[in-house]
Structures are given as C-alpha cells and as structure tokens.
C-alpha atoms as a PDB file:
ATOM      1  CA  UNK A   1      -0.751  43.497 -16.464  1.00  0.00           C
ATOM      2  CA  UNK A   2       2.647  42.237 -15.422  1.00  0.00           C
ATOM      3  CA  UNK A   3       2.918  42.343 -11.647  1.00  0.00           C
ATOM      4  CA  UNK A   4       5.954  41.406  -9.620  1.00  0.00           C
ATOM      5  CA  UNK A   5       5.925  40.213  -6.053  1.00  0.00           C
ATOM      6  CA  UNK A   6       9.258  39.909  -4.250  1.00  0.00           C
ATOM      7  CA  UNK A   7      11.021  40.197  -7.606  1.00  0.00           C
ATOM      8  CA  UNK A   8       9.134  37.257  -9.186  1.00  0.00           C
ATOM      9  CA  UNK A   9       7.107  37.794 -12.326  1.00  0.00           C
ATOM     10  CA  UNK A  10       3.577  36.307 -12.055  1.00  0.00           C
ATOM     11  CA  UNK A  11       3.882  34.415 -15.351  1.00  0.00           C
ATOM     12  CA  UNK A  12       7.218  32.928 -14.299  1.00  0.00           C
ATOM     13  CA  UNK A  13       5.691  31.880 -10.982  1.00  0.00           C
ATOM     14  CA  UNK A  14       2.783  30.147 -12.739  1.00  0.00           C
ATOM     15  CA  UNK A  15       5.124  28.323 -15.174  1.00  0.00           C
ATOM     16  CA  UNK A  16       7.356  27.087 -12.360  1.00  0.00           C
ATOM     17  CA  UNK A  17       4.330  26.067 -10.295  1.00  0.00           C
ATOM     18  CA  UNK A  18       2.849  24.125 -13.220  1.00  0.00           C
ATOM     19  CA  UNK A  19       6.133  22.346 -13.871  1.00  0.00           C
ATOM     20  CA  UNK A  20       6.413  21.433 -10.199  1.00  0.00           C
ATOM     21  CA  UNK A  21       2.869  20.029 -10.187  1.00  0.00           C
ATOM     22  CA  UNK A  22       3.583  17.865 -13.255  1.00  0.00           C
ATOM     23  CA  UNK A  23       6.851  16.607 -11.731  1.00  0.00           C
ATOM     24  CA  UNK A  24       5.123  15.753  -8.447  1.00  0.00           C
ATOM     25  CA  UNK A  25       2.319  13.892 -10.240  1.00  0.00           C
ATOM     26  CA  UNK A  26       4.860  11.900 -12.261  1.00  0.00           C
ATOM     27  CA  UNK A  27       6.780  10.962  -9.107  1.00  0.00           C
ATOM     28  CA  UNK A  28       3.613   9.776  -7.359  1.00  0.00           C
ATOM     29  CA  UNK A  29       2.579   7.730 -10.399  1.00  0.00           C
ATOM     30  CA  UNK A  30       6.050   6.192 -10.550  1.00  0.00           C
ATOM     31  CA  UNK A  31       5.953   5.316  -6.839  1.00  0.00           C
ATOM     32  CA  UNK A  32       2.567   3.631  -7.235  1.00  0.00           C
ATOM     33  CA  UNK A  33       3.775   1.705 -10.296  1.00  0.00           C
ATOM     34  CA  UNK A  34       6.825   0.433  -8.417  1.00  0.00           C
ATOM     35  CA  UNK A  35       4.624  -0.609  -5.483  1.00  0.00           C
ATOM     36  CA  UNK A  36       2.410  -2.542  -7.880  1.00  0.00           C
ATOM     37  CA  UNK A  37       5.476  -4.237  -9.370  1.00  0.00           C
ATOM     38  CA  UNK A  38       6.677  -5.414  -5.945  1.00  0.00           C
ATOM     39  CA  UNK A  39       7.185  -9.128  -5.433  1.00  0.00           C
ATOM     40  CA  UNK A  40       4.344 -11.177  -4.030  1.00  0.00           C
ATOM     41  CA  UNK A  41       4.891 -12.547  -0.544  1.00  0.00           C
ATOM     42  CA  UNK A  42       5.717 -16.247  -0.345  1.00  0.00           C
ATOM     43  CA  UNK A  43       3.907 -18.122   2.426  1.00  0.00           C
ATOM     44  CA  UNK A  44       7.253 -19.850   3.142  1.00  0.00           C
ATOM     45  CA  UNK A  45       8.970 -16.505   3.861  1.00  0.00           C
ATOM     46  CA  UNK A  46      10.330 -16.496   7.442  1.00  0.00           C
ATOM     47  CA  UNK A  47       8.301 -13.439   8.460  1.00  0.00           C
ATOM     48  CA  UNK A  48       5.175 -14.821   6.795  1.00  0.00           C
ATOM     49  CA  UNK A  49       5.570 -18.027   8.804  1.00  0.00           C
ATOM     50  CA  UNK A  50       6.165 -16.049  11.996  1.00  0.00           C
ATOM     51  CA  UNK A  51       2.954 -14.056  11.527  1.00  0.00           C
ATOM     52  CA  UNK A  52       0.938 -17.034  10.281  1.00  0.00           C
ATOM     53  CA  UNK A  53       0.318 -15.416   6.878  1.00  0.00           C
ATOM     54  CA  UNK A  54      -1.885 -17.318   4.427  1.00  0.00           C
ATOM     55  CA  UNK A  55      -2.851 -16.215   0.913  1.00  0.00           C
ATOM     56  CA  UNK A  56      -6.365 -17.467   1.649  1.00  0.00           C
ATOM     57  CA  UNK A  57      -7.940 -16.398   4.937  1.00  0.00           C
ATOM     58  CA  UNK A  58     -10.182 -19.473   4.938  1.00  0.00           C
ATOM     59  CA  UNK A  59      -7.100 -21.704   5.288  1.00  0.00           C
ATOM     60  CA  UNK A  60      -5.821 -20.188   8.553  1.00  0.00           C
ATOM     61  CA  UNK A  61      -5.097 -22.776  11.264  1.00  0.00           C
ATOM     62  CA  UNK A  62      -7.951 -22.105  13.729  1.00  0.00           C
ATOM     63  CA  UNK A  63      -6.219 -24.059  16.518  1.00  0.00           C
ATOM     64  CA  UNK A  64      -3.086 -21.936  16.210  1.00  0.00           C
ATOM     65  CA  UNK A  65      -4.937 -18.624  15.689  1.00  0.00           C
ATOM     66  CA  UNK A  66      -8.238 -18.831  17.610  1.00  0.00           C
ATOM     67  CA  UNK A  67      -8.869 -15.065  17.343  1.00  0.00           C
ATOM     68  CA  UNK A  68      -9.056 -15.282  13.529  1.00  0.00           C
ATOM     69  CA  UNK A  69     -12.510 -14.491  12.161  1.00  0.00           C
ATOM     70  CA  UNK A  70     -13.860 -15.332   8.718  1.00  0.00           C
ATOM     71  CA  UNK A  71     -14.492 -11.637   8.015  1.00  0.00           C
ATOM     72  CA  UNK A  72     -10.813 -10.720   8.478  1.00  0.00           C
ATOM     73  CA  UNK A  73      -8.713 -10.333   5.326  1.00  0.00           C
ATOM     74  CA  UNK A  74      -5.745  -8.253   4.236  1.00  0.00           C
ATOM     75  CA  UNK A  75      -8.053  -6.018   2.179  1.00  0.00           C
ATOM     76  CA  UNK A  76      -9.806  -4.785   5.341  1.00  0.00           C
ATOM     77  CA  UNK A  77      -6.637  -4.525   7.468  1.00  0.00           C
ATOM     78  CA  UNK A  78      -5.181  -1.143   8.419  1.00  0.00           C
ATOM     79  CA  UNK A  79      -1.779  -2.185   7.064  1.00  0.00           C
ATOM     80  CA  UNK A  80      -2.998  -3.067   3.548  1.00  0.00           C
ATOM     81  CA  UNK A  81      -1.657  -0.391   1.179  1.00  0.00           C
ATOM     82  CA  UNK A  82      -3.710  -1.368  -1.874  1.00  0.00           C
ATOM     83  CA  UNK A  83      -7.290  -0.484  -2.688  1.00  0.00           C
ATOM     84  CA  UNK A  84      -9.887  -2.854  -1.270  1.00  0.00           C
ATOM     85  CA  UNK A  85     -10.669  -3.884  -4.863  1.00  0.00           C
ATOM     86  CA  UNK A  86      -7.019  -4.731  -5.727  1.00  0.00           C
ATOM     87  CA  UNK A  87      -6.256  -8.480  -5.771  1.00  0.00           C
ATOM     88  CA  UNK A  88      -2.777  -7.824  -4.289  1.00  0.00           C
ATOM     89  CA  UNK A  89      -1.393  -4.885  -2.333  1.00  0.00           C
ATOM     90  CA  UNK A  90       1.752  -3.814  -0.514  1.00  0.00           C
ATOM     91  CA  UNK A  91       2.114  -4.402   3.210  1.00  0.00           C
ATOM     92  CA  UNK A  92       4.711  -2.599   5.341  1.00  0.00           C
ATOM     93  CA  UNK A  93       4.897  -5.583   7.706  1.00  0.00           C
ATOM     94  CA  UNK A  94       6.462  -7.630   4.920  1.00  0.00           C
ATOM     95  CA  UNK A  95       9.081  -5.141   3.691  1.00  0.00           C
ATOM     96  CA  UNK A  96       6.759  -3.780   1.016  1.00  0.00           C
ATOM     97  CA  UNK A  97       6.022  -7.164  -0.565  1.00  0.00           C
ATOM     98  CA  UNK A  98       2.534  -7.637  -1.898  1.00  0.00           C
ATOM     99  CA  UNK A  99       0.018  -9.683   0.031  1.00  0.00           C
ATOM    100  CA  UNK A 100      -3.159 -11.259  -1.288  1.00  0.00           C
ATOM    101  CA  UNK A 101      -6.259  -9.159  -0.589  1.00  0.00           C
ATOM    102  CA  UNK A 102      -7.969 -12.380   0.534  1.00  0.00           C
ATOM    103  CA  UNK A 103      -5.013 -13.268   2.759  1.00  0.00           C
ATOM    104  CA  UNK A 104      -4.545 -12.921   6.505  1.00  0.00           C
ATOM    105  CA  UNK A 105      -1.822 -12.742   9.168  1.00  0.00           C
ATOM    106  CA  UNK A 106      -1.869 -12.546  12.968  1.00  0.00           C
ATOM    107  CA  UNK A 107      -1.052  -8.809  12.858  1.00  0.00           C
ATOM    108  CA  UNK A 108      -4.436  -8.095  11.255  1.00  0.00           C
ATOM    109  CA  UNK A 109      -6.013  -4.912  12.628  1.00  0.00           C
ATOM    110  CA  UNK A 110      -9.374  -3.530  11.550  1.00  0.00           C
ATOM    111  CA  UNK A 111      -9.105  -0.658   9.085  1.00  0.00           C
ATOM    112  CA  UNK A 112     -10.412   2.559  10.571  1.00  0.00           C
END
C-alpha cells in the first residue's frame, strides 16, 4: 500500500526521517567528542585564580574560602558538564575548558 499525505510518499518520508536521525546522532557524537578533547583548565588561568579553582578540592585554602566543604567537588556541581564518573569534564564557567572532577571553585553549586 503506497499512501501519500500532503504529496509525500510514506516510504520517502521514512527514508528522509531515518537519514535525519543518523545525521543528528552523528552531530551529537561529534559535539561530545570535541567537548572531551577540550583543553584542561590551568590553575594559573586568570579566571581560575579569580574563582579559587583547585584541581584537588582537599587543597582549597580554608581561610580564603570558609564556606568550602570536603564533600564539594566539580563532579557534584550543577555546572559540571561531564558524567560524575568522568575524571575531567567541561565547565561553562571556564569557557568550556575541562575541570577535574575532584576539583572545586567558589562558584560551586549543588547539583539538583
């Protein structure tokens, strides 16, 4: 049965839809790969210094950042774009550079 809706053949519609789905999946995979290839944030970066970023949350200056808690880390921050199990992940606060999952900065906010 070859039905047409609004002048579009069903088989043609399914082929175009399948091609679009494959293209979309490839674009998302490419975006994730480029995010994973992003540069790692340097603790000496001006913005990193400004936000008190440390690769290791246990090395945060407690006198300078008294609200820091031992349980806070980039991996459980709302801004962390990686999976909690990823050792490094992108962070929009640092222009898409990767931050250490065990790291911390003063902008830390609990992940919902």
